[in-house]
C-alpha atoms as a PDB file:
ATOM      1  CA  MET A   1     -52.532-117.544  70.733  1.00  0.00           C
ATOM      2  CA  SER A   2     -52.410-115.258  73.692  1.00  0.00           C
ATOM      3  CA  ASN A   3     -49.897-116.081  76.573  1.00  0.00           C
ATOM      4  CA  SER A   4     -47.939-114.644  79.713  1.00  0.00           C
ATOM      5  CA  GLU A   5     -44.880-114.657  76.919  1.00  0.00           C
ATOM      6  CA  ASN A   6     -46.611-113.421  73.781  1.00  0.00           C
ATOM      7  CA  GLY A   7     -48.055-110.809  75.831  1.00  0.00           C
ATOM      8  CA  ASN A   8     -44.233-109.575  77.433  1.00  0.00           C
ATOM      9  CA  PHE A   9     -42.961-109.490  73.961  1.00  0.00           C
ATOM     10  CA  PHE A  10     -45.844-107.266  72.703  1.00  0.00           C
ATOM     11  CA  SER A  11     -45.507-104.663  76.200  1.00  0.00           C
ATOM     12  CA  GLU A  12     -41.326-104.722  75.359  1.00  0.00           C
ATOM     13  CA  SER A  13     -41.971-103.633  71.244  1.00  0.00           C
ATOM     14  CA  PHE A  14     -45.145-101.357  71.499  1.00  0.00           C
ATOM     15  CA  PRO A  15     -44.664 -99.092  73.900  1.00  0.00           C
ATOM     16  CA  PHE A  16     -48.439 -98.072  73.931  1.00  0.00           C
ATOM     17  CA  TRP A  17     -49.161-101.852  75.209  1.00  0.00           C
ATOM     18  CA  ASN A  18     -49.476-101.542  78.598  1.00  0.00           C
ATOM     19  CA  GLU A  19     -51.729 -98.554  78.124  1.00  0.00           C
ATOM     20  CA  LEU A  20     -54.566-100.581  76.173  1.00  0.00           C
ATOM     21  CA  SER A  21     -57.848-101.774  77.858  1.00  0.00           C
ATOM     22  CA  SER A  22     -58.440-105.863  78.138  1.00  0.00           C
ATOM     23  CA  ASP A  23     -60.759-105.963  75.152  1.00  0.00           C
ATOM     24  CA  GLU A  24     -58.009-103.624  73.130  1.00  0.00           C
ATOM     25  CA  LYS A  25     -55.418-106.063  73.743  1.00  0.00           C
ATOM     26  CA  LYS A  26     -58.091-108.674  73.462  1.00  0.00           C
ATOM     27  CA  LEU A  27     -58.484-107.455  70.038  1.00  0.00           C
ATOM     28  CA  ILE A  28     -54.805-107.883  69.350  1.00  0.00           C
ATOM     29  CA  ASP A  29     -54.094-111.003  70.506  1.00  0.00           C
ATOM     30  CA  ASN A  30     -57.448-112.616  68.633  1.00  0.00           C
ATOM     31  CA  ASN A  31     -56.268-111.453  65.408  1.00  0.00           C
ATOM     32  CA  THR A  32     -52.261-111.875  65.406  1.00  0.00           C
ATOM     33  CA  GLU A  33     -50.669-115.124  64.567  1.00  0.00           C
ATOM     34  CA  LEU A  34     -46.793-116.577  64.966  1.00  0.00           C
ATOM     35  CA  LYS A  35     -45.354-117.274  61.737  1.00  0.00           C
ATOM     36  CA  LEU A  36     -42.398-118.390  60.624  1.00  0.00           C
ATOM     37  CA  TYR A  37     -40.307-117.957  57.739  1.00  0.00           C
ATOM     38  CA  LYS A  38     -37.290-119.236  56.224  1.00  0.00           C
ATOM     39  CA  ALA A  39     -34.169-117.516  54.916  1.00  0.00           C
ATOM     40  CA  GLY A  40     -35.447-116.055  51.524  1.00  0.00           C
ATOM     41  CA  THR A  41     -39.202-116.318  51.976  1.00  0.00           C
ATOM     42  CA  THR A  42     -41.329-113.596  50.509  1.00  0.00           C
ATOM     43  CA  ILE A  43     -43.442-112.567  53.013  1.00  0.00           C
ATOM     44  CA  HIS A  44     -45.121-109.622  51.144  1.00  0.00           C
ATOM     45  CA  ASP A  45     -44.971-108.271  47.706  1.00  0.00           C
ATOM     46  CA  SER A  46     -47.041-105.154  46.411  1.00  0.00           C
ATOM     47  CA  THR A  47     -50.089-106.761  45.496  1.00  0.00           C
ATOM     48  CA  GLU A  48     -50.821-107.944  49.134  1.00  0.00           C
ATOM     49  CA  CYS A  49     -52.284-106.086  51.954  1.00  0.00           C
ATOM     50  CA  THR A  50     -49.936-108.634  54.622  1.00  0.00           C
ATOM     51  CA  GLY A  51     -50.941-106.994  58.112  1.00  0.00           C
ATOM     52  CA  VAL A  52     -48.544-105.534  60.358  1.00  0.00           C
ATOM     53  CA  LEU A  53     -45.571-107.813  61.265  1.00  0.00           C
ATOM     54  CA  LEU A  54     -43.504-107.469  64.611  1.00  0.00           C
ATOM     55  CA  ILE A  55     -40.326-109.268  64.401  1.00  0.00           C
ATOM     56  CA  LYS A  56     -40.097-111.544  67.134  1.00  0.00           C
ATOM     57  CA  LYS A  57     -36.810-113.318  66.178  1.00  0.00           C
ATOM     58  CA  GLY A  58     -34.174-112.600  62.757  1.00  0.00           C
ATOM     59  CA  GLU A  59     -34.175-110.200  60.239  1.00  0.00           C
ATOM     60  CA  LEU A  60     -36.494-108.630  57.332  1.00  0.00           C
ATOM     61  CA  ARG A  61     -35.165-107.067  54.120  1.00  0.00           C
ATOM     62  CA  VAL A  62     -37.462-104.005  52.552  1.00  0.00           C
ATOM     63  CA  TYR A  63     -36.959-102.976  49.344  1.00  0.00           C
ATOM     64  CA  ILE A  64     -38.526-102.221  45.853  1.00  0.00           C
ATOM     65  CA  LEU A  65     -38.678-104.007  42.326  1.00  0.00           C
ATOM     66  CA  SER A  66     -37.858-101.507  39.020  1.00  0.00           C
ATOM     67  CA  PRO A  67     -39.819-102.347  35.851  1.00  0.00           C
ATOM     68  CA  GLU A  68     -36.284-104.201  34.709  1.00  0.00           C
ATOM     69  CA  GLY A  69     -35.976-106.805  38.249  1.00  0.00           C
ATOM     70  CA  ARG A  70     -33.130-104.371  40.137  1.00  0.00           C
ATOM     71  CA  GLU A  71     -33.959-104.467  43.705  1.00  0.00           C
ATOM     72  CA  VAL A  72     -33.216-101.166  45.626  1.00  0.00           C
ATOM     73  CA  THR A  73     -33.201-102.313  49.698  1.00  0.00           C
ATOM     74  CA  LEU A  74     -34.688 -99.469  51.490  1.00  0.00           C
ATOM     75  CA  TYR A  75     -34.059-100.892  55.105  1.00  0.00           C
ATOM     76  CA  ARG A  76     -33.993-103.630  57.401  1.00  0.00           C
ATOM     77  CA  LEU A  77     -35.731-105.156  60.135  1.00  0.00           C
ATOM     78  CA  GLY A  78     -34.823-106.843  63.438  1.00  0.00           C
ATOM     79  CA  GLU A  79     -36.004-108.067  66.847  1.00  0.00           C
ATOM     80  CA  LYS A  80     -39.016-105.665  68.292  1.00  0.00           C
ATOM     81  CA  GLU A  81     -39.322-103.956  65.208  1.00  0.00           C
ATOM     82  CA  THR A  82     -42.282-103.207  63.555  1.00  0.00           C
ATOM     83  CA  CYS A  83     -43.225-102.840  59.767  1.00  0.00           C
ATOM     84  CA  LEU A  84     -46.308-100.899  58.776  1.00  0.00           C
ATOM     85  CA  LEU A  85     -45.703-100.493  54.736  1.00  0.00           C
ATOM     86  CA  THR A  86     -46.855-104.070  54.874  1.00  0.00           C
ATOM     87  CA  ALA A  87     -50.297-103.074  55.850  1.00  0.00           C
ATOM     88  CA  SER A  88     -50.547 -99.875  53.413  1.00  0.00           C
ATOM     89  CA  CYS A  89     -54.224-100.728  52.775  1.00  0.00           C
ATOM     90  CA  ILE A  90     -54.982 -99.205  55.954  1.00  0.00           C
ATOM     91  CA  LEU A  91     -52.723 -96.179  55.803  1.00  0.00           C
ATOM     92  CA  LYS A  92     -53.460 -92.730  53.902  1.00  0.00           C
ATOM     93  CA  ASN A  93     -51.483 -91.678  50.901  1.00  0.00           C
ATOM     94  CA  ILE A  94     -49.379 -94.658  50.817  1.00  0.00           C
ATOM     95  CA  THR A  95     -49.234 -95.061  47.224  1.00  0.00           C
ATOM     96  CA  PHE A  96     -45.760 -96.831  46.499  1.00  0.00           C
ATOM     97  CA  SER A  97     -45.162-100.603  46.808  1.00  0.00           C
ATOM     98  CA  ILE A  98     -42.514-102.935  48.467  1.00  0.00           C
ATOM     99  CA  MET A  99     -41.483-106.555  48.669  1.00  0.00           C
ATOM    100  CA  VAL A 100     -40.066-107.707  52.070  1.00  0.00           C
ATOM    101  CA  ASP A 101     -38.396-110.949  52.058  1.00  0.00           C
ATOM    102  CA  ALA A 102     -36.870-112.916  55.123  1.00  0.00           C
ATOM    103  CA  GLU A 103     -32.992-112.421  54.983  1.00  0.00           C
ATOM    104  CA  THR A 104     -32.296-114.833  57.862  1.00  0.00           C
ATOM    105  CA  ASP A 105     -34.925-117.658  59.336  1.00  0.00           C
ATOM    106  CA  SER A 106     -37.305-115.625  61.314  1.00  0.00           C
ATOM    107  CA  LYS A 107     -40.455-115.933  63.853  1.00  0.00           C
ATOM    108  CA  VAL A 108     -43.070-113.173  62.850  1.00  0.00           C
ATOM    109  CA  PHE A 109     -45.989-111.877  64.702  1.00  0.00           C
ATOM    110  CA  LEU A 110     -48.658-110.993  62.017  1.00  0.00           C
ATOM    111  CA  ILE A 111     -51.290-108.938  62.863  1.00  0.00           C
ATOM    112  CA  SER A 112     -54.437-108.261  60.858  1.00  0.00           C
ATOM    113  CA  SER A 113     -54.946-104.866  59.023  1.00  0.00           C
ATOM    114  CA  ALA A 114     -58.366-104.788  59.897  1.00  0.00           C
ATOM    115  CA  ALA A 115     -57.778-105.432  63.737  1.00  0.00           C
ATOM    116  CA  PHE A 116     -55.184-102.732  63.944  1.00  0.00           C
ATOM    117  CA  LYS A 117     -56.801-100.278  61.867  1.00  0.00           C
ATOM    118  CA  GLU A 118     -59.587-100.438  64.521  1.00  0.00           C
ATOM    119  CA  LEU A 119     -57.654-100.143  67.303  1.00  0.00           C
ATOM    120  CA  LYS A 120     -55.507 -97.229  65.584  1.00  0.00           C
ATOM    121  CA  ASN A 121     -58.931 -95.679  64.888  1.00  0.00           C
ATOM    122  CA  LYS A 122     -59.692 -95.195  68.432  1.00  0.00           C
ATOM    123  CA  ASN A 123     -56.566 -95.301  70.447  1.00  0.00           C
ATOM    124  CA  ILE A 124     -54.821 -91.876  69.672  1.00  0.00           C
ATOM    125  CA  GLN A 125     -51.667 -93.734  71.369  1.00  0.00           C
ATOM    126  CA  VAL A 126     -51.623 -96.172  68.867  1.00  0.00           C
ATOM    127  CA  GLU A 127     -52.359 -93.537  66.077  1.00  0.00           C
ATOM    128  CA  SER A 128     -49.040 -91.578  67.042  1.00  0.00           C
ATOM    129  CA  PHE A 129     -47.141 -94.840  67.298  1.00  0.00           C
ATOM    130  CA  THR A 130     -48.312 -95.546  63.381  1.00  0.00           C
ATOM    131  CA  ASN A 131     -47.272 -91.887  62.900  1.00  0.00           C
ATOM    132  CA  ASP A 132     -43.847 -92.210  64.592  1.00  0.00           C
ATOM    133  CA  ILE A 133     -43.181 -95.851  62.883  1.00  0.00           C
ATOM    134  CA  MET A 134     -44.282 -93.829  59.651  1.00  0.00           C
ATOM    135  CA  ASN A 135     -41.981 -91.230  59.762  1.00  0.00           C
ATOM    136  CA  CYS A 136     -39.424 -93.219  60.434  1.00  0.00           C
ATOM    137  CA  HIS A 137     -39.563 -95.846  57.570  1.00  0.00           C
ATOM    138  CA  PHE A 138     -39.520 -92.511  55.299  1.00  0.00           C
ATOM    139  CA  SER A 139     -36.489 -91.140  57.094  1.00  0.00           C
ATOM    140  CA  GLU A 140     -34.561 -94.657  56.293  1.00  0.00           C
ATOM    141  CA  THR A 141     -36.301 -94.921  52.476  1.00  0.00           C
ATOM    142  CA  MET A 142     -34.914 -91.167  51.656  1.00  0.00           C
ATOM    143  CA  TRP A 143     -31.415 -91.977  52.762  1.00  0.00           C
ATOM    144  CA  ALA A 144     -31.263 -94.800  51.137  1.00  0.00           C
ATOM    145  CA  MET A 145     -33.069 -92.791  47.433  1.00  0.00           C
ATOM    146  CA  GLU A 146     -30.109 -90.386  48.155  1.00  0.00           C
ATOM    147  CA  GLN A 147     -27.309 -92.981  48.301  1.00  0.00           C
ATOM    148  CA  ILE A 148     -28.211 -94.341  45.424  1.00  0.00           C
ATOM    149  CA  LEU A 149     -28.487 -90.837  43.414  1.00  0.00           C
ATOM    150  CA  PHE A 150     -25.861 -88.725  44.880  1.00  0.00           C
ATOM    151  CA  THR A 151     -23.086 -91.477  46.591  1.00  0.00           C
ATOM    152  CA  SER A 152     -20.450 -92.986  43.879  1.00  0.00           C
ATOM    153  CA  PHE A 153     -20.611 -96.850  44.148  1.00  0.00           C
ATOM    154  CA  ASP A 154     -17.270 -96.747  45.423  1.00  0.00           C
ATOM    155  CA  LYS A 155     -18.412 -95.421  48.798  1.00  0.00           C
ATOM    156  CA  ARG A 156     -21.853 -97.115  49.068  1.00  0.00           C
ATOM    157  CA  LEU A 157     -20.507-100.404  48.638  1.00  0.00           C
ATOM    158  CA  ALA A 158     -17.073 -99.385  50.998  1.00  0.00           C
ATOM    159  CA  PHE A 159     -20.102 -98.189  53.573  1.00  0.00           C
ATOM    160  CA  PHE A 160     -22.211-101.871  53.020  1.00  0.00           C
ATOM    161  CA  LEU A 161     -19.115-103.478  53.594  1.00  0.00           C
ATOM    162  CA  LEU A 162     -18.187-101.460  56.700  1.00  0.00           C
ATOM    163  CA  GLU A 163     -21.542-101.976  57.918  1.00  0.00           C
ATOM    164  CA  GLN A 164     -22.504-105.385  57.504  1.00  0.00           C
ATOM    165  CA  SER A 165     -18.514-105.971  59.067  1.00  0.00           C
ATOM    166  CA  LYS A 166     -19.880-103.960  62.428  1.00  0.00           C
ATOM    167  CA  GLU A 167     -23.546-106.003  62.401  1.00  0.00           C
ATOM    168  CA  LYS A 168     -22.026-109.492  61.912  1.00  0.00           C
ATOM    169  CA  GLU A 169     -18.799-108.566  64.260  1.00  0.00           C
ATOM    170  CA  SER A 170     -16.472-110.169  61.639  1.00  0.00           C
ATOM    171  CA  GLU A 171     -14.250-109.492  58.688  1.00  0.00           C
ATOM    172  CA  ILE A 172     -15.198-112.274  56.796  1.00  0.00           C
ATOM    173  CA  LEU A 173     -18.660-111.670  54.915  1.00  0.00           C
ATOM    174  CA  ASN A 174     -20.141-114.855  53.462  1.00  0.00           C
ATOM    175  CA  PHE A 175     -21.891-112.892  51.038  1.00  0.00           C
ATOM    176  CA  THR A 176     -22.395-113.580  46.806  1.00  0.00           C
ATOM    177  CA  HIS A 177     -22.220-110.700  44.303  1.00  0.00           C
ATOM    178  CA  GLU A 178     -25.916-111.079  43.213  1.00  0.00           C
ATOM    179  CA  TYR A 179     -26.503-110.612  47.424  1.00  0.00           C
ATOM    180  CA  ILE A 180     -24.790-107.310  47.447  1.00  0.00           C
ATOM    181  CA  ALA A 181     -25.828-105.963  43.947  1.00  0.00           C
ATOM    182  CA  LYS A 182     -29.818-106.712  45.391  1.00  0.00           C
ATOM    183  CA  ASN A 183     -28.807-104.615  48.429  1.00  0.00           C
ATOM    184  CA  LEU A 184     -27.299-101.629  46.623  1.00  0.00           C
ATOM    185  CA  GLY A 185     -29.497-101.260  43.348  1.00  0.00           C
ATOM    186  CA  SER A 186     -26.758-102.120  41.044  1.00  0.00           C
ATOM    187  CA  ALA A 187     -25.724-104.834  38.775  1.00  0.00           C
ATOM    188  CA  ARG A 188     -23.555-107.975  39.881  1.00  0.00           C
ATOM    189  CA  GLU A 189     -21.380-106.744  36.781  1.00  0.00           C
ATOM    190  CA  VAL A 190     -20.651-103.501  38.706  1.00  0.00           C
ATOM    191  CA  VAL A 191     -20.306-105.457  42.565  1.00  0.00           C
ATOM    192  CA  SER A 192     -17.982-107.760  40.896  1.00  0.00           C
ATOM    193  CA  ARG A 193     -16.279-105.011  39.049  1.00  0.00           C
ATOM    194  CA  MET A 194     -15.720-102.687  41.981  1.00  0.00           C
ATOM    195  CA  LEU A 195     -14.610-105.555  44.356  1.00  0.00           C
ATOM    196  CA  LYS A 196     -11.623-106.373  42.076  1.00  0.00           C
ATOM    197  CA  TYR A 197     -10.581-103.162  42.252  1.00  0.00           C
ATOM    198  CA  PHE A 198     -10.398-103.122  46.037  1.00  0.00           C
ATOM    199  CA  GLN A 199      -8.827-106.625  45.943  1.00  0.00           C
ATOM    200  CA  THR A 200      -5.914-104.663  43.610  1.00  0.00           C
ATOM    201  CA  GLU A 201      -5.655-101.987  46.142  1.00  0.00           C
ATOM    202  CA  GLY A 202      -5.093-104.364  48.841  1.00  0.00           C
ATOM    203  CA  ILE A 203      -8.388-103.749  50.428  1.00  0.00           C
ATOM    204  CA  VAL A 204     -10.124-106.805  50.431  1.00  0.00           C
ATOM    205  CA  SER A 205      -9.571-110.410  48.946  1.00  0.00           C
ATOM    206  CA  LEU A 206     -12.001-112.723  47.390  1.00  0.00           C
ATOM    207  CA  SER A 207     -13.015-116.046  47.216  1.00  0.00           C
ATOM    208  CA  ARG A 208     -16.208-117.580  45.989  1.00  0.00           C
ATOM    209  CA  GLY A 209     -18.600-116.878  48.010  1.00  0.00           C
ATOM    210  CA  SER A 210     -17.178-114.888  51.162  1.00  0.00           C
ATOM    211  CA  ILE A 211     -14.932-110.931  51.156  1.00  0.00           C
ATOM    212  CA  ILE A 212     -12.357-110.733  53.527  1.00  0.00           C
ATOM    213  CA  ILE A 213     -11.739-107.127  54.302  1.00  0.00           C
ATOM    214  CA  LYS A 214      -8.112-107.115  54.708  1.00  0.00           C
ATOM    215  CA  ASN A 215      -7.506-102.823  55.110  1.00  0.00           C
ATOM    216  CA  LYS A 216     -10.156-101.613  57.235  1.00  0.00           C
ATOM    217  CA  LYS A 217      -8.475 -97.778  56.945  1.00  0.00           C
ATOM    218  CA  LYS A 218      -8.498 -97.998  53.680  1.00  0.00           C
ATOM    219  CA  LEU A 219     -12.446 -98.773  53.377  1.00  0.00           C
ATOM    220  CA  GLU A 220     -13.508 -96.000  55.876  1.00  0.00           C
ATOM    221  CA  ALA A 221     -11.586 -93.472  53.726  1.00  0.00           C
ATOM    222  CA  LEU A 222     -13.926 -94.058  50.503  1.00  0.00           C
ATOM    223  CA  LYS A 223     -16.771 -93.388  52.743  1.00  0.00           C
END
């Protein structure tokens, strides 16, 4: 797998990379493969210890699944970001299960759990990086839980639409109601009812498979 292009990408993505010895870099090189995932592919489920994921291109969605099959999105990861919860078998006191899907067609470096654990155990900079990432993941997870528990659904939906519009630099969002429900941990029927209410208020207009934001000020007032 090793080549200068991948080495440069690792250097830009891992703050500890340039401090590693040649043997430590070789350990990662020899235990990493570049995987291609189509949009909608499940990369990790709760029964696996998949390995450490480093996103080269694309976007991943990290979520939990209720016993009833309802999905709750915790956070998303993009280019140069790392997912460690997919290697929970090497982390202490991680007892909850997550799922990871490719949101878009993605290229992802998959690093062996055993190799990353070996590196973490003997290099304090890698251990520090691991702790920082886990703290970040925990904060994002707690924020998502707070939104579900303490924020009304109209505010959550407004926030989601505004964030997606900003990210995609468009006021036309090609999302199904089912997709939004999965991201907000709700039911499709609840999403549909709230969007219809937004439409009657002149905030959005709806068409098959898309939502057009018509009045951003009203939407922002709901946040």
